[in-house]
Amino acid sequence: MSLSRIARLASDRRVHTAFHWLHLHELQLRQWQLQMIAIPAPLFDEGARAGWFLERFRELGLADVRLDEVGNALGVLGGAGAGPCVLLSAHLDTVFPSTTDCTPREDGARILAPGACDNAAGLTALLALAACMKYAELSPPCPILFAANVGEEGPGDLRGMRHLFNGAHEIAAAIALEGSGNATVVDRALGGRRFRITISGPGGHSWADAALPNPIFALSEALVALSRIELPQTPRTTLHCGTISGGTSVNSIPESATADIDLRSVSAAQLVLTEAEALVVIRSAIRAANASAAPQHQLDLEISLIGDRPAGALAIDSPLYKSLLAVDRHFGISTEARIGSTDANLPLSIGVPALAIGAGGSGGGIHTLHEWYDPTGREFALRRILLHLLDACTLASIGALH
């Protein structure tokens, strides 16, 4: 059934017209990519790049082009009246601070710049799909909500996606455009919980106050205890300390010490279990450190949540997943299913069918100053995404996505 739907879509004259636009306009896509890369979009400061997208959305003729309350740049294509939509998104933000030189350079086919692949590749695909559909006068049976969204990276904590799913939009399915790859799909959302452990005490002189409890020693004991937690291989779960800080001088007992903890799992249930165990271990270590300290010299423990990415998975028998498999069979490619942490985490965690899909080409050096992107082969990936997107709209219009 899925294969026959895809075959009908692929034979549609308007779809062929859209494919033809993609074939002829790689130079336009490259220019868009170079322009957006040059606009810094550090986390929590994506406004300039979002404004550039609003201009492009208007030029392409999308409807209801606007900036929402958290800074997502939005536009709508297709559909009539109220009803469910399919969300097509790509995140605006990068991991690089505003002081980073993001000026792109070209080396043959490659584009060299921080953020060239993650996620300028996905953002370029977002524009490409809007442009080819408008040119071909493709009107999907349900609206497509185009979103250049904020807050995907690190501490952004999926801020843009959380807002899109706060009830203002009736979203039947979500497709996130992410990085490179012609056959990749992220169908399993890697969940994560991040904590900051802060241990505080009276502090003092390393000699005169040597009997006072030392927050760094106590924190170290807690971290060693955390490292000894037995983590399951299935479902795969990891726990790491990413940063540690504290103290002001070598001959002082510090007043505080801090460590950031990163906990990840492909299972939401396992994430909860391991988090609970980790918190017990930390509190036990601090109680042990306080056991020999006078009441007035007790260490204080503060644990704050600094990151929360929900886990989830798209079932292999879900209509959205079957649609992608049918598209890939139509093109004669093997679907490269992966685990990852993307904007698809949020909808998957609340039961909305979602996936993240590679926007074509190849890339490397992700999240470094040496990042690069090569669009060779991008046209094929965009055709793949277009067929999948149109089929998802068909399924959404008849309520067949759940």
Protein backbone atom coordinates (compact mmCIF):
# COMPACT_ATOMS: atom_id res chain seq x y z
CA MET A 1 0.00 0.00 0.00
CA SER A 2 2.77 2.46 0.96
CA LEU A 3 4.77 1.59 -2.14
CA SER A 4 1.80 2.20 -4.42
CA ARG A 5 1.14 5.59 -2.82
CA ILE A 6 4.77 6.60 -3.29
CA ALA A 7 4.73 5.39 -6.91
CA ARG A 8 1.65 7.52 -7.61
CA LEU A 9 3.29 10.54 -6.00
CA ALA A 10 6.51 10.04 -7.94
CA SER A 11 4.59 9.92 -11.23
CA ASP A 12 2.73 13.18 -10.56
CA ARG A 13 3.69 15.83 -13.13
CA ARG A 14 3.92 18.51 -10.43
CA VAL A 15 6.34 16.39 -8.41
CA HIS A 16 8.52 16.02 -11.50
CA THR A 17 8.40 19.79 -11.92
CA ALA A 18 9.57 20.19 -8.31
CA PHE A 19 12.36 17.68 -8.92
CA HIS A 20 13.39 19.66 -12.00
CA TRP A 21 13.57 22.88 -9.95
CA LEU A 22 15.92 21.14 -7.49
CA HIS A 23 18.08 19.92 -10.38
CA LEU A 24 18.45 23.41 -11.84
CA HIS A 25 18.91 25.44 -8.66
CA GLU A 26 21.86 23.97 -6.74
CA LEU A 27 23.68 27.28 -7.25
CA GLN A 28 20.77 29.12 -5.61
CA LEU A 29 20.82 26.70 -2.68
CA ARG A 30 24.56 27.21 -2.28
CA GLN A 31 24.14 31.00 -2.24
CA TRP A 32 21.42 30.77 0.39
CA GLN A 33 23.66 28.52 2.48
CA LEU A 34 26.63 30.87 2.24
CA GLN A 35 24.45 33.84 3.21
CA MET A 36 22.88 32.22 6.25
CA ILE A 37 26.20 30.82 7.53
CA ALA A 38 27.62 34.35 7.60
CA ILE A 39 24.83 35.45 9.99
CA PRO A 40 25.86 34.42 13.53
CA ALA A 41 23.18 32.45 15.36
CA PRO A 42 24.57 31.59 18.79
CA LEU A 43 22.21 29.87 21.19
CA PHE A 44 19.69 32.36 22.67
CA ASP A 45 20.66 34.98 20.06
CA GLU A 46 19.25 33.62 16.80
CA GLY A 47 17.25 36.76 15.95
CA ALA A 48 19.30 38.03 13.01
CA ARG A 49 19.23 34.69 11.22
CA ALA A 50 15.53 34.26 12.00
CA GLY A 51 14.86 37.66 10.42
CA TRP A 52 16.72 36.57 7.28
CA PHE A 53 14.47 33.51 7.09
CA LEU A 54 11.33 35.60 7.40
CA GLU A 55 12.46 37.53 4.32
CA ARG A 56 13.08 34.32 2.37
CA PHE A 57 9.73 32.83 3.43
CA ARG A 58 7.94 35.95 2.19
CA GLU A 59 9.87 35.93 -1.10
CA LEU A 60 8.90 32.30 -1.65
CA GLY A 61 5.23 33.09 -1.09
CA LEU A 62 4.54 31.17 2.11
CA ALA A 63 1.43 32.19 4.03
CA ASP A 64 1.20 33.47 7.62
CA VAL A 65 4.90 34.32 7.79
CA ARG A 66 5.77 35.47 11.28
CA LEU A 67 8.08 35.27 14.25
CA ASP A 68 6.51 33.53 17.24
CA GLU A 69 6.96 34.38 20.91
CA VAL A 70 10.25 32.52 21.38
CA GLY A 71 11.82 33.50 18.05
CA ASN A 72 10.90 30.66 15.69
CA ALA A 73 10.53 31.88 12.08
CA LEU A 74 7.33 30.35 10.67
CA GLY A 75 5.49 30.07 7.37
CA VAL A 76 2.68 27.87 6.03
CA LEU A 77 2.16 26.15 2.69
CA GLY A 78 -0.91 24.26 1.47
CA GLY A 79 -4.08 23.04 3.12
CA ALA A 80 -7.30 24.92 3.62
CA GLY A 81 -8.94 25.96 6.86
CA ALA A 82 -8.37 24.40 10.26
CA GLY A 83 -6.99 20.93 10.80
CA PRO A 84 -3.78 19.07 11.53
CA CYS A 85 -0.52 20.08 9.90
CA VAL A 86 2.84 18.45 9.28
CA LEU A 87 5.77 20.30 10.84
CA LEU A 88 8.91 20.60 8.71
CA SER A 89 11.71 22.21 10.71
CA ALA A 90 15.41 22.96 10.88
CA HIS A 91 17.14 24.60 13.82
CA LEU A 92 18.69 28.05 13.51
CA ASP A 93 21.12 27.93 16.42
CA THR A 94 24.76 26.90 16.49
CA VAL A 95 27.08 25.95 19.35
CA PHE A 96 29.44 28.84 18.60
CA PRO A 97 29.55 32.13 20.57
CA SER A 98 28.80 35.44 18.87
CA THR A 99 32.53 36.28 18.69
CA THR A 100 33.21 33.33 16.35
CA ASP A 101 34.20 34.24 12.81
CA CYS A 102 31.55 32.43 10.75
CA THR A 103 32.61 33.83 7.37
CA PRO A 104 32.32 30.87 4.98
CA ARG A 105 35.13 29.86 2.64
CA GLU A 106 34.87 27.64 -0.41
CA ASP A 107 37.31 24.87 -1.26
CA GLY A 108 36.06 23.24 -4.44
CA ALA A 109 32.64 21.80 -3.66
CA ARG A 110 33.19 22.14 0.08
CA ILE A 111 31.89 25.00 2.21
CA LEU A 112 34.16 25.62 5.20
CA ALA A 113 32.73 27.41 8.24
CA PRO A 114 31.48 26.78 11.77
CA GLY A 115 27.88 25.62 11.40
CA ALA A 116 28.19 24.88 7.67
CA CYS A 117 26.69 21.42 8.15
CA ASP A 118 24.97 21.66 11.54
CA ASN A 119 22.62 23.09 10.73
CA ALA A 120 23.01 25.26 7.66
CA ALA A 121 22.52 22.10 5.58
CA GLY A 122 19.14 21.45 7.18
CA LEU A 123 18.11 25.10 6.92
CA THR A 124 19.02 25.17 3.22
CA ALA A 125 16.88 22.08 2.66
CA LEU A 126 13.98 23.85 4.38
CA LEU A 127 14.15 26.67 1.83
CA ALA A 128 14.71 24.27 -1.07
CA LEU A 129 11.57 22.31 -0.29
CA ALA A 130 9.44 25.45 0.08
CA ALA A 131 10.82 26.86 -3.17
CA CYS A 132 10.37 23.75 -5.32
CA MET A 133 6.84 23.14 -4.02
CA LYS A 134 5.77 26.72 -4.71
CA TYR A 135 7.33 26.63 -8.17
CA ALA A 136 5.57 23.37 -9.03
CA GLU A 137 2.29 24.60 -7.54
CA LEU A 138 2.20 21.57 -5.28
CA SER A 139 -0.58 22.02 -2.75
CA PRO A 140 -0.44 19.26 -0.15
CA PRO A 141 -3.72 17.98 1.32
CA CYS A 142 -2.85 19.33 4.75
CA PRO A 143 -0.87 22.43 5.73
CA ILE A 144 2.90 22.21 6.09
CA LEU A 145 4.23 24.39 8.90
CA PHE A 146 7.74 25.48 7.92
CA ALA A 147 9.80 26.39 10.98
CA ALA A 148 13.33 27.71 11.29
CA ASN A 149 13.39 27.12 15.03
CA VAL A 150 15.52 28.23 17.94
CA GLY A 151 17.12 26.45 20.87
CA GLU A 152 18.07 22.96 19.67
CA GLU A 153 21.70 22.88 20.78
CA GLY A 154 22.88 22.05 24.32
CA PRO A 155 21.40 24.38 26.95
CA GLY A 156 18.72 25.46 24.48
CA ASP A 157 16.93 22.34 25.70
CA LEU A 158 14.67 22.16 22.61
CA ARG A 159 13.19 25.55 23.50
CA GLY A 160 11.81 26.24 20.03
CA MET A 161 10.19 22.83 19.68
CA ARG A 162 8.69 22.97 23.15
CA HIS A 163 6.93 26.17 22.16
CA LEU A 164 5.67 24.75 18.86
CA PHE A 165 4.08 21.86 20.75
CA ASN A 166 2.52 23.96 23.53
CA GLY A 167 -0.96 23.65 21.99
CA ALA A 168 -1.00 26.56 19.55
CA HIS A 169 -0.58 24.21 16.56
CA GLU A 170 -2.30 20.92 15.79
CA ILE A 171 0.70 18.93 14.58
CA ALA A 172 0.04 15.44 13.25
CA ALA A 173 3.70 14.62 12.51
CA ALA A 174 7.09 16.30 12.60
CA ILE A 175 10.08 16.00 10.27
CA ALA A 176 13.29 17.70 11.39
CA LEU A 177 15.97 18.45 8.79
CA GLU A 178 19.35 17.83 10.38
CA GLY A 179 22.86 17.94 8.94
CA SER A 180 24.06 15.83 6.04
CA GLY A 181 23.37 12.35 4.69
CA ASN A 182 21.43 10.99 1.74
CA ALA A 183 19.95 7.90 3.42
CA THR A 184 20.08 8.74 7.15
CA VAL A 185 17.19 9.00 9.56
CA VAL A 186 17.16 9.41 13.33
CA ASP A 187 14.17 7.40 14.56
CA ARG A 188 15.26 6.82 18.17
CA ALA A 189 15.59 9.86 20.40
CA LEU A 190 18.50 9.82 22.82
CA GLY A 191 17.19 11.24 26.08
CA GLY A 192 19.33 13.24 28.46
CA ARG A 193 19.24 14.78 31.93
CA ARG A 194 21.94 17.22 32.99
CA PHE A 195 22.61 18.27 36.56
CA ARG A 196 24.82 20.77 38.32
CA ILE A 197 26.08 19.59 41.71
CA THR A 198 27.20 22.40 44.00
CA ILE A 199 28.70 21.69 47.42
CA SER A 200 29.25 24.65 49.74
CA GLY A 201 31.02 25.00 53.09
CA PRO A 202 32.60 27.55 55.41
CA GLY A 203 35.97 27.58 53.63
CA GLY A 204 39.16 28.63 55.32
CA HIS A 205 42.95 28.49 55.48
CA SER A 206 44.53 25.20 54.41
CA TRP A 207 46.66 25.06 57.61
CA ALA A 208 44.80 26.99 60.28
CA ASP A 209 41.40 25.53 59.35
CA ALA A 210 42.55 22.10 58.21
CA ALA A 211 39.84 20.32 60.24
CA LEU A 212 37.02 21.94 58.23
CA PRO A 213 35.33 19.84 55.53
CA ASN A 214 36.61 20.45 52.01
CA PRO A 215 33.90 20.78 49.31
CA ILE A 216 36.29 19.62 46.57
CA PHE A 217 37.16 16.43 48.48
CA ALA A 218 33.47 15.77 49.12
CA LEU A 219 32.60 16.42 45.49
CA SER A 220 35.41 14.12 44.40
CA GLU A 221 34.07 11.32 46.61
CA ALA A 222 30.61 11.83 45.09
CA LEU A 223 32.00 11.69 41.53
CA VAL A 224 33.96 8.51 42.26
CA ALA A 225 30.79 6.94 43.65
CA LEU A 226 28.90 7.99 40.51
CA SER A 227 31.56 6.41 38.31
CA ARG A 228 30.94 3.06 40.03
CA ILE A 229 27.24 2.88 39.21
CA GLU A 230 26.60 -0.14 37.02
CA LEU A 231 24.96 1.05 33.83
CA PRO A 232 22.95 -1.24 31.55
CA GLN A 233 24.17 -1.99 28.05
CA THR A 234 20.57 -2.61 26.99
CA PRO A 235 19.03 -0.11 26.93
CA ARG A 236 22.32 1.71 26.48
CA THR A 237 22.81 4.30 29.22
CA THR A 238 25.76 6.58 29.94
CA LEU A 239 26.76 8.87 32.81
CA HIS A 240 29.62 11.36 32.68
CA CYS A 241 31.02 14.40 34.46
CA GLY A 242 31.67 17.10 31.88
CA THR A 243 33.03 20.01 33.94
CA ILE A 244 34.33 20.54 37.47
CA SER A 245 35.35 23.77 39.17
CA GLY A 246 35.94 25.31 42.59
CA GLY A 247 38.37 27.08 44.86
CA THR A 248 40.36 30.29 44.59
CA SER A 249 43.91 29.36 45.61
CA VAL A 250 46.05 26.34 46.35
CA ASN A 251 46.39 27.20 50.06
CA SER A 252 42.69 27.73 50.76
CA ILE A 253 39.89 25.35 51.66
CA PRO A 254 37.32 26.30 49.01
CA GLU A 255 33.90 27.64 49.93
CA SER A 256 32.30 25.73 47.06
CA ALA A 257 32.86 23.15 44.34
CA THR A 258 30.72 22.43 41.30
CA ALA A 259 30.42 19.64 38.75
CA ASP A 260 28.12 19.17 35.76
CA ILE A 261 26.74 15.68 35.15
CA ASP A 262 25.44 14.33 31.85
CA LEU A 263 23.12 11.32 31.93
CA ARG A 264 21.81 9.75 28.71
CA SER A 265 19.71 6.78 27.67
CA VAL A 266 17.61 5.62 24.75
CA SER A 267 14.97 4.55 27.29
CA ALA A 268 12.88 7.12 29.16
CA ALA A 269 12.20 4.60 31.94
CA GLN A 270 15.88 3.75 32.35
CA LEU A 271 16.71 7.45 32.42
CA VAL A 272 14.43 7.87 35.44
CA LEU A 273 15.86 4.83 37.23
CA THR A 274 19.49 5.82 36.72
CA GLU A 275 18.80 9.42 37.70
CA ALA A 276 17.22 8.27 40.97
CA GLU A 277 20.21 6.04 41.72
CA ALA A 278 22.66 8.83 40.92
CA LEU A 279 20.91 11.27 43.26
CA VAL A 280 20.98 8.71 46.10
CA VAL A 281 24.71 8.16 45.54
CA ILE A 282 25.47 11.89 45.58
CA ARG A 283 23.49 12.55 48.77
CA SER A 284 25.08 9.56 50.49
CA ALA A 285 28.56 10.85 49.69
CA ILE A 286 27.79 14.25 51.20
CA ARG A 287 26.26 12.70 54.31
CA ALA A 288 29.46 10.70 54.74
CA ALA A 289 31.56 13.86 54.40
CA ASN A 290 29.43 15.61 57.03
CA ALA A 291 29.53 12.72 59.50
CA SER A 292 32.68 13.99 61.22
CA ALA A 293 32.03 17.72 60.82
CA ALA A 294 30.65 19.94 63.57
CA PRO A 295 27.01 21.06 63.09
CA GLN A 296 28.09 24.62 62.33
CA HIS A 297 30.55 23.41 59.68
CA GLN A 298 28.28 21.10 57.69
CA LEU A 299 28.51 21.09 53.92
CA ASP A 300 25.44 22.09 51.93
CA LEU A 301 24.39 20.28 48.76
CA GLU A 302 22.46 21.81 45.88
CA ILE A 303 21.44 19.81 42.82
CA SER A 304 19.93 21.78 39.95
CA LEU A 305 18.58 20.55 36.65
CA ILE A 306 20.37 22.28 33.74
CA GLY A 307 19.16 20.14 30.84
CA ASP A 308 16.27 17.86 29.99
CA ARG A 309 15.95 16.08 26.65
CA PRO A 310 13.20 13.47 26.63
CA ALA A 311 13.76 10.03 25.11
CA GLY A 312 11.46 8.28 22.67
CA ALA A 313 11.28 6.18 19.53
CA LEU A 314 9.29 5.98 16.33
CA ALA A 315 7.85 2.49 16.08
CA ILE A 316 8.97 0.62 12.97
CA ASP A 317 5.33 -0.24 12.23
CA SER A 318 4.18 3.37 12.46
CA PRO A 319 2.71 4.85 9.26
CA LEU A 320 5.33 7.63 9.21
CA TYR A 321 8.20 5.13 9.38
CA LYS A 322 6.60 2.85 6.79
CA SER A 323 6.26 5.88 4.51
CA LEU A 324 10.00 6.59 4.68
CA LEU A 325 10.86 2.94 4.09
CA ALA A 326 8.60 2.93 1.02
CA VAL A 327 10.29 6.07 -0.32
CA ASP A 328 13.71 4.49 0.19
CA ARG A 329 12.63 1.30 -1.55
CA HIS A 330 11.31 3.41 -4.42
CA PHE A 331 14.75 5.00 -4.78
CA GLY A 332 16.57 1.72 -4.22
CA ILE A 333 18.47 2.80 -1.11
CA SER A 334 18.98 1.21 2.30
CA THR A 335 17.60 3.29 5.14
CA GLU A 336 20.35 4.23 7.61
CA ALA A 337 18.48 4.35 10.94
CA ARG A 338 20.33 5.99 13.82
CA ILE A 339 20.02 7.07 17.44
CA GLY A 340 20.49 10.78 18.13
CA SER A 341 19.48 13.83 20.08
CA THR A 342 17.55 16.14 17.75
CA ASP A 343 14.45 18.30 17.62
CA ALA A 344 12.49 15.09 17.02
CA ASN A 345 13.04 14.15 20.69
CA LEU A 346 10.26 16.43 21.87
CA PRO A 347 7.39 15.24 19.66
CA LEU A 348 8.41 11.59 20.06
CA SER A 349 8.30 11.96 23.84
CA ILE A 350 4.67 13.13 23.73
CA GLY A 351 3.46 10.55 21.25
CA VAL A 352 3.59 12.59 18.04
CA PRO A 353 5.15 10.64 15.12
CA ALA A 354 8.47 12.29 14.28
CA LEU A 355 11.90 11.71 12.82
CA ALA A 356 15.01 13.66 11.90
CA ILE A 357 16.34 13.19 8.40
CA GLY A 358 19.64 14.02 6.73
CA ALA A 359 19.48 16.97 4.33
CA GLY A 360 21.90 15.49 1.78
CA GLY A 361 25.56 15.77 0.90
CA SER A 362 28.32 15.08 3.39
CA GLY A 363 29.93 16.94 6.25
CA GLY A 364 32.48 16.74 9.02
CA GLY A 365 34.14 18.57 11.89
CA ILE A 366 30.72 19.09 13.46
CA HIS A 367 30.75 21.52 16.41
CA THR A 368 34.33 22.59 15.68
CA LEU A 369 35.90 25.59 13.95
CA HIS A 370 36.94 23.20 11.15
CA GLU A 371 33.39 22.20 10.20
CA TRP A 372 32.71 21.61 6.51
CA TYR A 373 29.87 20.67 4.19
CA ASP A 374 29.88 19.25 0.66
CA PRO A 375 26.49 19.44 -1.12
CA THR A 376 27.39 16.80 -3.71
CA GLY A 377 24.39 14.49 -3.96
CA ARG A 378 22.06 16.90 -2.15
CA GLU A 379 19.46 16.84 -4.94
CA PHE A 380 18.82 13.14 -4.37
CA ALA A 381 18.24 13.63 -0.63
CA LEU A 382 15.86 16.53 -1.26
CA ARG A 383 13.80 14.37 -3.64
CA ARG A 384 13.65 11.72 -0.94
CA ILE A 385 12.47 14.22 1.67
CA LEU A 386 9.90 15.76 -0.70
CA LEU A 387 8.20 12.43 -1.44
CA HIS A 388 8.19 11.52 2.25
CA LEU A 389 6.81 14.93 3.22
CA LEU A 390 4.01 14.78 0.65
CA ASP A 391 3.08 11.26 1.71
CA ALA A 392 3.05 12.31 5.37
CA CYS A 393 0.63 15.10 4.44
CA THR A 394 -1.64 12.59 2.69
CA LEU A 395 -1.63 10.37 5.78
CA ALA A 396 -2.27 13.34 8.08
CA SER A 397 -5.21 14.51 5.96
CA ILE A 398 -7.03 11.19 6.45
CA GLY A 399 -6.03 10.78 10.08
CA ALA A 400 -3.83 7.76 9.34
CA LEU A 401 -0.65 8.75 11.16
CA HIS A 402 -1.55 7.19 14.52
